[in-house]
Amino acid sequence: MLTLLGLMLAGAGSIALFVWNGLRPAPEGEPVQFEIPSGSSPFKVAEILEEQGIIRNAFIFKYYLRYEGEGSRFQAGTYAMAPGTSLQSVIRQLNNGDTVKPDTFRFTIPEGYTVLQIADKLSSEGLVDRDEFLRLAEQPELFDQSGAVKHVPADNGKLRHKLEGYLFPDTYEMVKESGEQDILQRMLHELDRKLDNLPADWQDQLDKLGISFHDMMTIASLIEREVVVDEERKLVAGVIYNRIEDHMRLQIDATVQYMLDKPKERLYEKDLKVESPYNTYQIDGIPPGPIASPSLESIEAALYPEDTPYYYYVTKKDGTYAHLFAESYNEHLRNIRLSNQTAKEGAADNG
């Protein structure tokens, strides 16, 4: 009887020793990187940890997790851990998702940039192949169609660049392996994300205005290229809608600049006569598509224009970039003279 009891105690002691040894930190070593695949069970994670030498015994670790009520919050990803790390620290890192952060790069696209300007900037920074970027930017069907990009007209042969206006201007951080298509997709997704910040009724507002989403983005791009002072965005939007409603040509210089191969500091009369679907001095209504990437403020202005009696505006030549607004053409001519006079006075003062 004593012999049997002794054997049982010895067996229990051996099991306890086995468990204790299995739960000890593994021998210390250099950190290793390993991947926890998405959807991995706690048992699978334990096996990976043992293979990498992070823990001593996967079998014991599995049941330790079950005893502690752990494992359900483990996150997938690439981890870096050193053999010899305590079990509590291993569990904490897996719960927190303390993964290895990939190398990234950052870039900034200013508001009002065109597709060509975006391609040139990213190319100059060594982030894209310019020609490949522009080639992909002509193929909206390559990108996730669940967002705004689905509104790009598929059969509009007049579009100069198909993704013009849909690449949201912002500062981005992306993993180093990202290519041209990844960057384009990220910028398209950012537009979708920013649209979620608009008032909840913004899509109903399109119906009230009687315009399509693509029309709205086009008008927003006009506002972006015309306005510097934020407080004037909705006012300029109101002028644009007034002119459209009264069948007046928009005569927006920025659309002429867009159609030129190289923008000019000053437009001449001959430039305003160039035949182009983007020349709002020659066409009725709005251009076939955006002329730049609008900010969220310009998009909101295009959706919620100010109710205004104005039909004209001219830039003040006093360095403020603000505008003088007018209801009639005669008043507009007076504003032009006033603006020019201000410019002459400023030049005299500087002289």
Foldseek 3Di string as FASTA:
>chain_A
DVVVVVVVVVVVVVVVVVLVVQQAFFPWDAKDKDWDDPPDFQLNVLVRCCVVQGTPDSVSVVVVCVVVVAGPQFDTEMAIDTGRDHPVVVRVCRNVVVHDDAAKDKDFFDALAWQLRVLVVCVVVVAADSVVLQVVQQPLVVEDCPADSVPQDPPPPQDPTRCTQQQATGMDMDHSVDYSVNNSRVSNVVSRVLVVVDPPCLVVLCVVLVHDPQLLSQQLSLLRVQADDLVCLLVVLQLLSVCLVVFHQLQRVLLLQLVDPHGDPDDDPVSLPDDGLSNSSPDTHHRPGHSHHGHSSSSNSSSRHDNDLWNDWDAAQQPPRDIDTDNDPVVNVVRVVVSVVNNVVVVVVVD
